[in-house]
Protein backbone atom coordinates (compact mmCIF):
# COMPACT_ATOMS: atom_id res chain seq x y z
CA UNK A 1 15.74 -16.00 -9.61
CA UNK A 2 13.26 -13.12 -9.82
CA UNK A 3 10.61 -12.55 -7.16
CA UNK A 4 7.91 -13.82 -9.54
CA UNK A 5 9.96 -16.97 -10.23
CA UNK A 6 10.42 -17.56 -6.49
CA UNK A 7 6.68 -17.13 -5.95
CA UNK A 8 5.84 -19.55 -8.78
CA UNK A 9 8.34 -22.10 -7.50
CA UNK A 10 6.93 -21.84 -3.96
CA UNK A 11 3.33 -22.24 -5.12
CA UNK A 12 4.30 -25.17 -7.36
CA UNK A 13 5.93 -27.05 -4.46
CA UNK A 14 2.59 -27.30 -2.64
CA UNK A 15 0.35 -30.38 -2.83
CA UNK A 16 -1.92 -30.29 -5.90
CA UNK A 17 -5.08 -28.88 -4.28
CA UNK A 18 -3.22 -26.28 -2.21
CA UNK A 19 -1.13 -25.33 -5.26
CA UNK A 20 -4.29 -24.58 -7.25
CA UNK A 21 -5.89 -22.66 -4.42
CA UNK A 22 -2.77 -20.58 -3.75
CA UNK A 23 -2.51 -19.77 -7.47
CA UNK A 24 -6.18 -18.71 -7.48
CA UNK A 25 -5.66 -16.49 -4.41
CA UNK A 26 -2.44 -15.06 -5.85
CA UNK A 27 -4.31 -14.07 -9.02
CA UNK A 28 -7.23 -12.58 -7.03
CA UNK A 29 -4.89 -10.55 -4.81
CA UNK A 30 -2.95 -9.25 -7.82
CA UNK A 31 -6.24 -8.18 -9.43
CA UNK A 32 -7.38 -6.50 -6.19
CA UNK A 33 -4.05 -4.71 -5.73
CA UNK A 34 -2.86 -3.90 -9.27
CA UNK A 35 0.71 -2.67 -9.50
CA UNK A 36 1.55 -3.57 -5.90
CA UNK A 37 5.09 -4.55 -5.06
CA UNK A 38 5.68 -8.30 -4.81
CA UNK A 39 7.80 -9.86 -2.08
CA UNK A 40 8.98 -13.36 -1.29
CA UNK A 41 10.26 -14.21 2.16
CA UNK A 42 11.79 -17.71 2.27
CA UNK A 43 11.27 -18.08 6.02
CA UNK A 44 14.98 -18.37 6.84
CA UNK A 45 17.00 -16.23 9.23
CA UNK A 46 20.44 -14.75 8.50
CA UNK A 47 22.06 -18.10 9.32
CA UNK A 48 19.85 -19.96 6.83
CA UNK A 49 17.78 -21.64 9.56
CA UNK A 50 14.06 -22.01 8.81
CA UNK A 51 12.19 -19.91 11.38
CA UNK A 52 8.80 -19.46 9.69
CA UNK A 53 6.80 -20.58 6.68
CA UNK A 54 7.75 -18.96 3.37
CA UNK A 55 5.46 -16.01 2.59
CA UNK A 56 4.37 -14.23 -0.57
CA UNK A 57 3.97 -10.50 0.09
CA UNK A 58 1.98 -7.80 -1.67
CA UNK A 59 2.23 -4.02 -1.38
CA UNK A 60 4.55 -2.06 0.84
CA UNK A 61 4.33 0.06 3.95
CA UNK A 62 6.83 1.50 6.38
CA UNK A 63 7.06 0.17 9.91
CA UNK A 64 8.11 2.88 12.37
CA UNK A 65 9.86 1.68 15.51
CA UNK A 66 9.91 3.46 18.87
CA UNK A 67 13.63 4.19 18.49
CA UNK A 68 12.91 6.16 15.30
CA UNK A 69 14.19 3.55 12.85
CA UNK A 70 12.01 2.34 9.99
CA UNK A 71 11.69 -0.77 7.84
CA UNK A 72 9.78 -1.49 4.64
CA UNK A 73 7.51 -4.53 4.79
CA UNK A 74 4.63 -6.05 2.83
CA UNK A 75 1.03 -5.09 3.58
CA UNK A 76 -0.53 -8.45 2.72
CA UNK A 77 1.06 -11.88 3.05
CA UNK A 78 0.02 -15.36 1.94
CA UNK A 79 1.54 -18.53 3.26
CA UNK A 80 0.85 -22.25 3.17
CA UNK A 81 0.63 -23.90 6.57
CA UNK A 82 0.20 -27.50 7.70
CA UNK A 83 -3.60 -27.31 7.70
CA UNK A 84 -4.32 -24.84 4.89
CA UNK A 85 -3.53 -21.26 3.94
CA UNK A 86 -2.93 -18.10 5.98
CA UNK A 87 -3.52 -14.53 4.80
CA UNK A 88 -1.74 -11.87 6.82
CA UNK A 89 -3.00 -8.28 6.90
CA UNK A 90 -0.11 -6.34 8.33
CA UNK A 91 0.03 -3.02 10.14
CA UNK A 92 -3.47 -2.95 11.62
CA UNK A 93 -3.65 -0.90 14.79
CA UNK A 94 -6.98 -2.34 16.00
CA UNK A 95 -6.33 -6.05 16.58
CA UNK A 96 -10.06 -6.81 16.99
CA UNK A 97 -11.26 -5.21 13.74
CA UNK A 98 -10.77 -8.17 11.36
CA UNK A 99 -12.61 -10.67 13.55
CA UNK A 100 -15.42 -8.26 14.43
CA UNK A 101 -15.94 -6.93 10.91
CA UNK A 102 -15.27 -9.92 8.66
CA UNK A 103 -15.20 -12.99 10.90
CA UNK A 104 -18.84 -14.09 10.78
CA UNK A 105 -19.25 -13.50 7.02
CA UNK A 106 -15.94 -15.01 5.96
CA UNK A 107 -16.92 -18.65 6.36
CA UNK A 108 -14.92 -21.44 7.98
CA UNK A 109 -11.83 -19.49 8.98
CA UNK A 110 -10.06 -18.49 12.15
CA UNK A 111 -9.46 -14.77 12.36
CA UNK A 112 -6.95 -13.18 14.74
CA UNK A 113 -5.57 -9.65 14.99
CA UNK A 114 -3.87 -9.81 11.60
CA UNK A 115 -4.25 -13.39 10.30
CA UNK A 116 -7.05 -15.15 8.44
CA UNK A 117 -6.45 -18.89 8.39
CA UNK A 118 -8.56 -21.44 6.54
CA UNK A 119 -8.31 -25.01 5.31
CA UNK A 120 -9.59 -24.49 1.76
CA UNK A 121 -10.72 -21.64 -0.48
CA UNK A 122 -14.07 -23.44 -0.89
CA UNK A 123 -14.63 -22.91 2.85
CA UNK A 124 -14.53 -19.12 2.65
CA UNK A 125 -16.21 -16.22 0.91
CA UNK A 126 -13.41 -14.83 -1.27
CA UNK A 127 -15.27 -11.55 -1.83
CA UNK A 128 -15.23 -10.93 1.94
CA UNK A 129 -11.54 -11.95 2.09
CA UNK A 130 -10.74 -9.42 -0.65
CA UNK A 131 -12.72 -6.74 1.23
CA UNK A 132 -10.56 -7.42 4.31
CA UNK A 133 -7.40 -7.24 2.19
CA UNK A 134 -8.46 -3.93 0.62
CA UNK A 135 -9.30 -2.56 4.07
CA UNK A 136 -5.86 -3.53 5.37
CA UNK A 137 -4.08 -1.91 2.45
CA UNK A 138 -6.15 1.24 2.95
CA UNK A 139 -5.15 1.37 6.62
CA UNK A 140 -1.42 1.27 5.84
CA UNK A 141 -1.40 3.64 2.84
């Protein structure tokens, strides 16, 4: 299965409302980040054990470890969770920036160092969410 097929299958396994909202967000992110690399992480470790929620990834950046090794990873992630949807903005050095800059204007969402979590798309300002996504991509380019 291609990455796009895995993404479509994942979105389509969600309950009806969440499926529609994830498809809407997927389309918005693709429009905001044209030509970005797509990823799909199934949430399983090397032994096939589920260790996290599956995640759709967008873009790419290189993580540099203290020992000098590197790893490619996605810049933006989207995942369904038990109460809604999470958007991950990876690679930010300042873990207070998202909450301080976008938190109050985003709507009904919890904002941590790299995660924006909300129950429904109707609860948030998607323009502000896309601004946060673009900022994150800019920080890791």
